[in-house]
Amino acid sequence: MTSKGPVIFVQMRSGRNGRVFKCLKFRTMSYSPSAEFRQATSNDMRVTRIGRFLRKTNLDELPQFLNVLAGHMSVVGPRPHPLPLDEQYWVSLPGYKERYQVKPGITGLAQSRGARGETDEFYKMVHRVRYDHLYIRRKSLRLDTQICLWTVQAALKGNKGAW
């Protein structure tokens, strides 16, 4: 509404067993059809006014329910990362590729516990991957329900690190 371009943003991401799929999101940044991948940062000028709200409340992820219906994602699981991050960490971070043993999720343990946003420091991705491994080991309906509740609480408060 506040910038030209498509409403839906499509980005290739890795799914279960490393299969690539088109991940859908509401577009939250100014439109640039040939833009190179760059993570959003605090006070990023590319993020639109409405985009800032969508990101803080996780509403930008709603189109991913179509990915769930298509079988590429589940509601809860490790968040799929953009392909350039996979390329960066697949070999350099022990245990990184094991997070793709399960379907990626719209929300996950890492995100619901605050490990989200920019991974400008190696330790941030290490922290996220540890949460993903914990989730994979303890996966259950009860844990999925708890993660969904934490996600809703974080959305109502406004997620820190969601810029």
N, C-alpha and C. Protein backbone atom coordinates (compact mmCIF):
# COMPACT_ATOMS: atom_id res chain seq x y z
N MET A 1 0.82 -1.19 0.00
CA MET A 1 0.00 0.00 0.00
C MET A 1 0.87 1.27 0.00
N THR A 2 2.04 1.19 0.61
CA THR A 2 2.87 2.39 0.70
C THR A 2 4.06 2.36 -0.26
N SER A 3 4.19 1.30 -1.05
CA SER A 3 5.27 1.24 -2.04
C SER A 3 4.83 0.39 -3.22
N LYS A 4 5.42 0.68 -4.37
CA LYS A 4 5.09 -0.07 -5.58
C LYS A 4 5.71 -1.46 -5.52
N GLY A 5 5.05 -2.38 -6.23
CA GLY A 5 5.57 -3.74 -6.29
C GLY A 5 4.54 -4.75 -5.82
N PRO A 6 4.86 -6.03 -5.97
CA PRO A 6 3.92 -7.09 -5.57
C PRO A 6 3.73 -7.14 -4.06
N VAL A 7 2.57 -7.61 -3.65
CA VAL A 7 2.25 -7.75 -2.23
C VAL A 7 2.98 -8.95 -1.64
N ILE A 8 3.12 -10.00 -2.42
CA ILE A 8 3.77 -11.23 -1.96
C ILE A 8 5.22 -11.23 -2.41
N PHE A 9 6.09 -11.54 -1.47
CA PHE A 9 7.53 -11.68 -1.71
C PHE A 9 7.82 -13.16 -1.78
N VAL A 10 8.53 -13.61 -2.81
CA VAL A 10 8.87 -15.02 -2.98
C VAL A 10 10.39 -15.14 -2.89
N GLN A 11 10.84 -16.04 -2.03
CA GLN A 11 12.28 -16.25 -1.88
C GLN A 11 12.55 -17.75 -1.83
N MET A 12 13.55 -18.19 -2.54
CA MET A 12 13.91 -19.60 -2.54
C MET A 12 14.58 -19.92 -1.19
N ARG A 13 14.11 -21.02 -0.58
CA ARG A 13 14.66 -21.45 0.70
C ARG A 13 14.78 -22.97 0.68
N SER A 14 15.58 -23.49 1.59
CA SER A 14 15.75 -24.94 1.69
C SER A 14 14.72 -25.52 2.63
N GLY A 15 14.16 -26.66 2.23
CA GLY A 15 13.19 -27.37 3.05
C GLY A 15 13.77 -28.67 3.57
N ARG A 16 12.89 -29.59 3.89
CA ARG A 16 13.31 -30.89 4.41
C ARG A 16 14.25 -31.57 3.43
N ASN A 17 15.31 -32.14 3.95
CA ASN A 17 16.34 -32.82 3.15
C ASN A 17 17.01 -31.90 2.14
N GLY A 18 16.97 -30.60 2.39
CA GLY A 18 17.64 -29.64 1.52
C GLY A 18 16.92 -29.32 0.22
N ARG A 19 15.68 -29.81 0.07
CA ARG A 19 14.92 -29.50 -1.16
C ARG A 19 14.52 -28.03 -1.16
N VAL A 20 14.78 -27.38 -2.28
CA VAL A 20 14.51 -25.95 -2.40
C VAL A 20 13.04 -25.73 -2.76
N PHE A 21 12.43 -24.72 -2.16
CA PHE A 21 11.03 -24.38 -2.45
C PHE A 21 10.87 -22.86 -2.43
N LYS A 22 9.75 -22.40 -2.96
CA LYS A 22 9.44 -20.97 -2.98
C LYS A 22 8.72 -20.61 -1.69
N CYS A 23 9.39 -19.87 -0.82
CA CYS A 23 8.82 -19.46 0.46
C CYS A 23 8.10 -18.13 0.26
N LEU A 24 6.85 -18.06 0.71
CA LEU A 24 6.02 -16.87 0.52
C LEU A 24 5.96 -16.02 1.78
N LYS A 25 5.98 -14.70 1.59
CA LYS A 25 5.84 -13.75 2.70
C LYS A 25 5.16 -12.51 2.15
N PHE A 26 4.55 -11.74 3.02
CA PHE A 26 4.10 -10.42 2.60
C PHE A 26 5.36 -9.57 2.43
N ARG A 27 5.42 -8.81 1.36
CA ARG A 27 6.57 -7.94 1.11
C ARG A 27 6.58 -6.82 2.14
N THR A 28 7.70 -6.64 2.81
CA THR A 28 7.82 -5.62 3.85
C THR A 28 8.85 -4.56 3.52
N MET A 29 9.51 -4.72 2.39
CA MET A 29 10.56 -3.78 1.99
C MET A 29 10.21 -3.14 0.66
N SER A 30 10.86 -2.02 0.38
CA SER A 30 10.66 -1.38 -0.92
C SER A 30 11.06 -2.38 -2.01
N TYR A 31 10.37 -2.32 -3.12
CA TYR A 31 10.53 -3.31 -4.19
C TYR A 31 11.75 -3.03 -5.03
N SER A 32 12.55 -4.06 -5.23
CA SER A 32 13.71 -4.00 -6.11
C SER A 32 13.85 -5.36 -6.76
N PRO A 33 13.42 -5.49 -8.04
CA PRO A 33 13.37 -6.81 -8.68
C PRO A 33 14.73 -7.50 -8.82
N SER A 34 15.80 -6.77 -8.85
CA SER A 34 17.11 -7.40 -9.05
C SER A 34 18.01 -7.29 -7.83
N ALA A 35 17.42 -7.07 -6.68
CA ALA A 35 18.22 -6.87 -5.47
C ALA A 35 18.95 -8.14 -5.05
N GLU A 36 20.19 -7.97 -4.63
CA GLU A 36 21.00 -9.05 -4.09
C GLU A 36 20.57 -9.28 -2.65
N PHE A 37 20.71 -10.51 -2.15
CA PHE A 37 20.31 -10.83 -0.79
C PHE A 37 21.11 -9.99 0.22
N ARG A 38 20.37 -9.40 1.13
CA ARG A 38 20.96 -8.66 2.25
C ARG A 38 19.97 -8.71 3.40
N GLN A 39 20.39 -9.20 4.56
CA GLN A 39 19.49 -9.27 5.71
C GLN A 39 19.08 -7.88 6.15
N ALA A 40 17.85 -7.80 6.66
CA ALA A 40 17.37 -6.53 7.22
C ALA A 40 18.15 -6.23 8.49
N THR A 41 18.41 -4.96 8.71
CA THR A 41 19.13 -4.52 9.91
C THR A 41 18.28 -3.52 10.67
N SER A 42 18.70 -3.20 11.87
CA SER A 42 17.98 -2.21 12.67
C SER A 42 17.93 -0.89 11.90
N ASN A 43 16.76 -0.27 11.85
CA ASN A 43 16.54 1.00 11.14
C ASN A 43 16.85 0.90 9.64
N ASP A 44 16.62 -0.27 9.06
CA ASP A 44 16.86 -0.49 7.63
C ASP A 44 15.91 0.38 6.82
N MET A 45 16.45 1.22 5.96
CA MET A 45 15.65 2.16 5.18
C MET A 45 14.79 1.45 4.13
N ARG A 46 15.07 0.19 3.83
CA ARG A 46 14.28 -0.55 2.84
C ARG A 46 12.92 -0.99 3.40
N VAL A 47 12.81 -1.11 4.72
CA VAL A 47 11.57 -1.58 5.35
C VAL A 47 10.54 -0.46 5.32
N THR A 48 9.34 -0.77 4.82
CA THR A 48 8.26 0.22 4.72
C THR A 48 7.60 0.40 6.09
N ARG A 49 6.79 1.45 6.22
CA ARG A 49 6.07 1.67 7.49
C ARG A 49 5.19 0.48 7.84
N ILE A 50 4.40 0.05 6.88
CA ILE A 50 3.53 -1.11 7.13
C ILE A 50 4.38 -2.36 7.32
N GLY A 51 5.47 -2.46 6.59
CA GLY A 51 6.37 -3.60 6.72
C GLY A 51 6.94 -3.73 8.13
N ARG A 52 7.24 -2.61 8.76
CA ARG A 52 7.77 -2.63 10.13
C ARG A 52 6.75 -3.27 11.08
N PHE A 53 5.47 -2.89 10.91
CA PHE A 53 4.40 -3.47 11.73
C PHE A 53 4.25 -4.96 11.44
N LEU A 54 4.23 -5.33 10.16
CA LEU A 54 4.08 -6.74 9.79
C LEU A 54 5.21 -7.59 10.37
N ARG A 55 6.41 -7.09 10.34
CA ARG A 55 7.56 -7.82 10.87
C ARG A 55 7.48 -7.96 12.39
N LYS A 56 7.15 -6.89 13.09
CA LYS A 56 7.09 -6.92 14.56
C LYS A 56 6.04 -7.90 15.06
N THR A 57 4.97 -8.07 14.30
CA THR A 57 3.85 -8.92 14.72
C THR A 57 3.85 -10.30 14.05
N ASN A 58 4.85 -10.58 13.23
CA ASN A 58 4.96 -11.85 12.49
C ASN A 58 3.88 -12.02 11.42
N LEU A 59 3.08 -11.00 11.17
CA LEU A 59 2.02 -11.13 10.18
C LEU A 59 2.57 -11.27 8.76
N ASP A 60 3.82 -10.89 8.54
CA ASP A 60 4.43 -11.06 7.22
C ASP A 60 4.58 -12.53 6.85
N GLU A 61 4.48 -13.41 7.83
CA GLU A 61 4.63 -14.85 7.60
C GLU A 61 3.32 -15.55 7.20
N LEU A 62 2.18 -14.86 7.29
CA LEU A 62 0.89 -15.51 7.02
C LEU A 62 0.81 -16.25 5.68
N PRO A 63 1.37 -15.72 4.58
CA PRO A 63 1.30 -16.46 3.32
C PRO A 63 1.98 -17.84 3.38
N GLN A 64 2.80 -18.07 4.38
CA GLN A 64 3.46 -19.37 4.48
C GLN A 64 2.49 -20.49 4.83
N PHE A 65 1.27 -20.15 5.24
CA PHE A 65 0.28 -21.21 5.43
C PHE A 65 -0.02 -21.89 4.09
N LEU A 66 0.17 -21.17 2.99
CA LEU A 66 0.06 -21.80 1.66
C LEU A 66 1.20 -22.78 1.44
N ASN A 67 2.40 -22.45 1.96
CA ASN A 67 3.52 -23.39 1.90
C ASN A 67 3.22 -24.65 2.72
N VAL A 68 2.52 -24.48 3.85
CA VAL A 68 2.13 -25.62 4.68
C VAL A 68 1.16 -26.50 3.89
N LEU A 69 0.15 -25.88 3.27
CA LEU A 69 -0.82 -26.64 2.48
C LEU A 69 -0.17 -27.36 1.30
N ALA A 70 0.88 -26.76 0.74
CA ALA A 70 1.60 -27.37 -0.38
C ALA A 70 2.55 -28.48 0.08
N GLY A 71 2.74 -28.61 1.40
CA GLY A 71 3.60 -29.67 1.94
C GLY A 71 5.07 -29.30 2.05
N HIS A 72 5.43 -28.04 1.79
CA HIS A 72 6.83 -27.62 1.89
C HIS A 72 7.24 -27.28 3.31
N MET A 73 6.27 -26.88 4.14
CA MET A 73 6.55 -26.44 5.49
C MET A 73 5.54 -27.03 6.45
N SER A 74 5.86 -26.91 7.74
CA SER A 74 4.88 -27.22 8.78
C SER A 74 4.65 -25.94 9.56
N VAL A 75 3.70 -25.95 10.47
CA VAL A 75 3.44 -24.75 11.26
C VAL A 75 4.63 -24.49 12.19
N VAL A 76 5.16 -25.55 12.83
CA VAL A 76 6.28 -25.41 13.75
C VAL A 76 7.45 -26.26 13.25
N GLY A 77 8.62 -25.69 13.34
CA GLY A 77 9.86 -26.38 12.96
C GLY A 77 10.96 -25.35 12.83
N PRO A 78 12.17 -25.79 12.55
CA PRO A 78 13.24 -24.82 12.34
C PRO A 78 12.90 -23.88 11.17
N ARG A 79 13.13 -22.59 11.34
CA ARG A 79 12.84 -21.63 10.26
C ARG A 79 13.75 -21.89 9.08
N PRO A 80 13.20 -21.88 7.86
CA PRO A 80 14.07 -22.04 6.70
C PRO A 80 14.84 -20.74 6.46
N HIS A 81 16.10 -20.87 6.16
CA HIS A 81 16.92 -19.68 5.90
C HIS A 81 17.04 -19.44 4.40
N PRO A 82 17.29 -18.20 4.00
CA PRO A 82 17.55 -17.91 2.59
C PRO A 82 18.78 -18.71 2.11
N LEU A 83 18.79 -19.06 0.83
CA LEU A 83 19.86 -19.90 0.29
C LEU A 83 21.26 -19.34 0.53
N PRO A 84 21.49 -18.02 0.44
CA PRO A 84 22.84 -17.53 0.73
C PRO A 84 23.31 -17.83 2.16
N LEU A 85 22.40 -17.86 3.13
CA LEU A 85 22.79 -18.23 4.49
C LEU A 85 23.10 -19.71 4.57
N ASP A 86 22.31 -20.53 3.86
CA ASP A 86 22.60 -21.97 3.81
C ASP A 86 24.00 -22.20 3.23
N GLU A 87 24.32 -21.51 2.15
CA GLU A 87 25.64 -21.66 1.53
C GLU A 87 26.74 -21.27 2.51
N GLN A 88 26.50 -20.24 3.28
CA GLN A 88 27.49 -19.74 4.23
C GLN A 88 27.73 -20.71 5.38
N TYR A 89 26.67 -21.36 5.88
CA TYR A 89 26.78 -22.16 7.09
C TYR A 89 26.72 -23.67 6.90
N TRP A 90 26.34 -24.15 5.73
CA TRP A 90 26.13 -25.59 5.50
C TRP A 90 27.34 -26.41 5.92
N VAL A 91 28.53 -25.95 5.57
CA VAL A 91 29.76 -26.68 5.88
C VAL A 91 30.48 -26.08 7.09
N SER A 92 30.44 -24.77 7.24
CA SER A 92 31.23 -24.10 8.28
C SER A 92 30.68 -24.24 9.69
N LEU A 93 29.37 -24.53 9.82
CA LEU A 93 28.76 -24.65 11.15
C LEU A 93 28.33 -26.09 11.39
N PRO A 94 29.06 -26.81 12.26
CA PRO A 94 28.70 -28.20 12.55
C PRO A 94 27.24 -28.31 13.00
N GLY A 95 26.52 -29.26 12.42
CA GLY A 95 25.13 -29.50 12.79
C GLY A 95 24.13 -28.65 12.02
N TYR A 96 24.61 -27.71 11.21
CA TYR A 96 23.69 -26.82 10.50
C TYR A 96 22.76 -27.60 9.57
N LYS A 97 23.32 -28.49 8.76
CA LYS A 97 22.49 -29.18 7.77
C LYS A 97 21.52 -30.18 8.42
N GLU A 98 21.81 -30.62 9.65
CA GLU A 98 20.90 -31.56 10.33
C GLU A 98 19.56 -30.91 10.66
N ARG A 99 19.50 -29.60 10.71
CA ARG A 99 18.22 -28.92 10.99
C ARG A 99 17.21 -29.17 9.87
N TYR A 100 17.68 -29.64 8.72
CA TYR A 100 16.79 -29.92 7.59
C TYR A 100 16.32 -31.37 7.56
N GLN A 101 16.46 -32.09 8.67
CA GLN A 101 15.92 -33.44 8.78
C GLN A 101 14.40 -33.42 8.94
N VAL A 102 13.88 -32.28 9.35
CA VAL A 102 12.43 -32.10 9.52
C VAL A 102 11.98 -30.96 8.62
N LYS A 103 10.68 -30.86 8.41
CA LYS A 103 10.15 -29.75 7.62
C LYS A 103 10.39 -28.44 8.36
N PRO A 104 10.73 -27.41 7.62
CA PRO A 104 10.87 -26.10 8.26
C PRO A 104 9.50 -25.59 8.69
N GLY A 105 9.48 -24.67 9.64
CA GLY A 105 8.22 -24.17 10.17
C GLY A 105 8.01 -22.69 9.98
N ILE A 106 6.76 -22.29 10.07
CA ILE A 106 6.41 -20.87 10.05
C ILE A 106 6.98 -20.21 11.30
N THR A 107 6.95 -20.95 12.40
CA THR A 107 7.58 -20.49 13.64
C THR A 107 8.39 -21.65 14.19
N GLY A 108 9.30 -21.34 15.08
CA GLY A 108 10.15 -22.37 15.64
C GLY A 108 10.56 -22.04 17.06
N LEU A 109 11.22 -22.99 17.69
CA LEU A 109 11.67 -22.79 19.06
C LEU A 109 12.64 -21.61 19.15
N ALA A 110 13.57 -21.52 18.23
CA ALA A 110 14.55 -20.42 18.26
C ALA A 110 13.85 -19.07 18.19
N GLN A 111 12.94 -18.91 17.24
CA GLN A 111 12.26 -17.63 17.06
C GLN A 111 11.37 -17.30 18.24
N SER A 112 10.69 -18.31 18.77
CA SER A 112 9.77 -18.06 19.88
C SER A 112 10.50 -17.71 21.18
N ARG A 113 11.78 -18.06 21.24
CA ARG A 113 12.57 -17.76 22.43
C ARG A 113 13.51 -16.57 22.21
N GLY A 114 13.33 -15.85 21.09
CA GLY A 114 14.07 -14.61 20.88
C GLY A 114 15.28 -14.68 19.98
N ALA A 115 15.64 -15.86 19.51
CA ALA A 115 16.80 -16.00 18.62
C ALA A 115 16.34 -15.81 17.18
N ARG A 116 16.12 -14.56 16.82
CA ARG A 116 15.61 -14.24 15.49
C ARG A 116 16.28 -12.97 14.99
N GLY A 117 15.99 -12.63 13.77
CA GLY A 117 16.56 -11.42 13.20
C GLY A 117 17.90 -11.65 12.54
N GLU A 118 18.65 -10.59 12.43
CA GLU A 118 19.93 -10.59 11.72
C GLU A 118 20.93 -11.55 12.38
N THR A 119 21.66 -12.26 11.55
CA THR A 119 22.73 -13.15 12.04
C THR A 119 24.07 -12.59 11.59
N ASP A 120 24.35 -11.37 12.02
CA ASP A 120 25.57 -10.68 11.62
C ASP A 120 26.81 -11.20 12.36
N GLU A 121 26.60 -11.97 13.39
CA GLU A 121 27.69 -12.57 14.17
C GLU A 121 27.50 -14.08 14.14
N PHE A 122 28.61 -14.82 13.99
CA PHE A 122 28.57 -16.28 13.89
C PHE A 122 27.85 -16.90 15.08
N TYR A 123 28.10 -16.39 16.29
CA TYR A 123 27.50 -16.97 17.49
C TYR A 123 25.96 -16.92 17.45
N LYS A 124 25.39 -15.94 16.76
CA LYS A 124 23.93 -15.84 16.67
C LYS A 124 23.35 -17.03 15.91
N MET A 125 24.03 -17.44 14.85
CA MET A 125 23.57 -18.61 14.09
C MET A 125 23.82 -19.87 14.90
N VAL A 126 24.92 -19.95 15.62
CA VAL A 126 25.20 -21.11 16.49
C VAL A 126 24.07 -21.26 17.51
N HIS A 127 23.67 -20.15 18.12
CA HIS A 127 22.60 -20.15 19.11
C HIS A 127 21.29 -20.65 18.49
N ARG A 128 20.97 -20.17 17.31
CA ARG A 128 19.76 -20.57 16.61
C ARG A 128 19.77 -22.06 16.30
N VAL A 129 20.90 -22.55 15.82
CA VAL A 129 21.02 -23.97 15.46
C VAL A 129 20.90 -24.86 16.69
N ARG A 130 21.40 -24.41 17.82
CA ARG A 130 21.25 -25.18 19.07
C ARG A 130 19.77 -25.33 19.43
N TYR A 131 19.03 -24.24 19.31
CA TYR A 131 17.58 -24.33 19.55
C TYR A 131 16.93 -25.31 18.57
N ASP A 132 17.34 -25.26 17.30
CA ASP A 132 16.76 -26.16 16.29
C ASP A 132 17.03 -27.62 16.64
N HIS A 133 18.24 -27.92 17.10
CA HIS A 133 18.57 -29.29 17.49
C HIS A 133 17.76 -29.73 18.71
N LEU A 134 17.59 -28.83 19.67
CA LEU A 134 16.77 -29.14 20.84
C LEU A 134 15.34 -29.44 20.40
N TYR A 135 14.81 -28.62 19.50
CA TYR A 135 13.45 -28.85 18.99
C TYR A 135 13.35 -30.23 18.33
N ILE A 136 14.29 -30.55 17.47
CA ILE A 136 14.24 -31.83 16.75
C ILE A 136 14.27 -33.01 17.73
N ARG A 137 15.10 -32.90 18.77
CA ARG A 137 15.19 -33.99 19.77
C ARG A 137 13.92 -34.13 20.60
N ARG A 138 13.25 -33.01 20.89
CA ARG A 138 12.10 -33.03 21.81
C ARG A 138 10.76 -32.80 21.12
N LYS A 139 10.74 -32.86 19.82
CA LYS A 139 9.53 -32.57 19.04
C LYS A 139 8.33 -33.36 19.57
N SER A 140 7.23 -32.64 19.85
CA SER A 140 6.00 -33.26 20.32
C SER A 140 4.85 -32.28 20.09
N LEU A 141 3.65 -32.78 20.16
CA LEU A 141 2.47 -31.92 20.03
C LEU A 141 2.46 -30.88 21.16
N ARG A 142 2.84 -31.31 22.35
CA ARG A 142 2.86 -30.38 23.49
C ARG A 142 3.86 -29.25 23.27
N LEU A 143 5.07 -29.59 22.80
CA LEU A 143 6.07 -28.56 22.54
C LEU A 143 5.62 -27.64 21.40
N ASP A 144 5.04 -28.21 20.34
CA ASP A 144 4.53 -27.39 19.23
C ASP A 144 3.47 -26.40 19.72
N THR A 145 2.59 -26.86 20.59
CA THR A 145 1.55 -25.99 21.14
C THR A 145 2.18 -24.87 21.96
N GLN A 146 3.17 -25.21 22.78
CA GLN A 146 3.86 -24.21 23.60
C GLN A 146 4.56 -23.17 22.71
N ILE A 147 5.20 -23.62 21.65
CA ILE A 147 5.90 -22.71 20.73
C ILE A 147 4.89 -21.77 20.07
N CYS A 148 3.74 -22.29 19.68
CA CYS A 148 2.71 -21.44 19.08
C CYS A 148 2.23 -20.38 20.08
N LEU A 149 2.06 -20.77 21.34
CA LEU A 149 1.65 -19.80 22.37
C LEU A 149 2.73 -18.73 22.58
N TRP A 150 3.99 -19.15 22.66
CA TRP A 150 5.08 -18.19 22.81
C TRP A 150 5.14 -17.23 21.62
N THR A 151 4.87 -17.76 20.41
CA THR A 151 4.90 -16.94 19.21
C THR A 151 3.81 -15.88 19.24
N VAL A 152 2.60 -16.28 19.66
CA VAL A 152 1.49 -15.32 19.77
C VAL A 152 1.82 -14.26 20.82
N GLN A 153 2.36 -14.67 21.95
CA GLN A 153 2.75 -13.71 23.00
C GLN A 153 3.78 -12.72 22.47
N ALA A 154 4.78 -13.21 21.76
CA ALA A 154 5.82 -12.34 21.22
C ALA A 154 5.23 -11.38 20.18
N ALA A 155 4.31 -11.87 19.38
CA ALA A 155 3.67 -11.02 18.37
C ALA A 155 2.86 -9.90 19.02
N LEU A 156 2.16 -10.22 20.10
CA LEU A 156 1.36 -9.21 20.80
C LEU A 156 2.25 -8.16 21.47
N LYS A 157 3.40 -8.57 21.96
CA LYS A 157 4.33 -7.63 22.58
C LYS A 157 5.12 -6.84 21.54
N GLY A 158 5.28 -7.41 20.36
CA GLY A 158 6.15 -6.82 19.34
C GLY A 158 7.52 -7.44 19.45
N ASN A 159 7.87 -8.28 18.50
CA ASN A 159 9.12 -9.01 18.55
C ASN A 159 10.36 -8.12 18.52
N LYS A 160 11.25 -8.35 19.46
CA LYS A 160 12.54 -7.66 19.42
C LYS A 160 13.38 -8.37 18.35
N GLY A 161 14.15 -7.66 17.64
CA GLY A 161 14.99 -8.24 16.60
C GLY A 161 14.25 -8.40 15.28
N ALA A 162 12.99 -8.01 15.22
CA ALA A 162 12.22 -8.12 13.98
C ALA A 162 12.17 -6.75 13.34
N TRP A 163 13.21 -6.43 12.61
CA TRP A 163 13.22 -5.11 11.97
C TRP A 163 13.19 -5.21 10.50
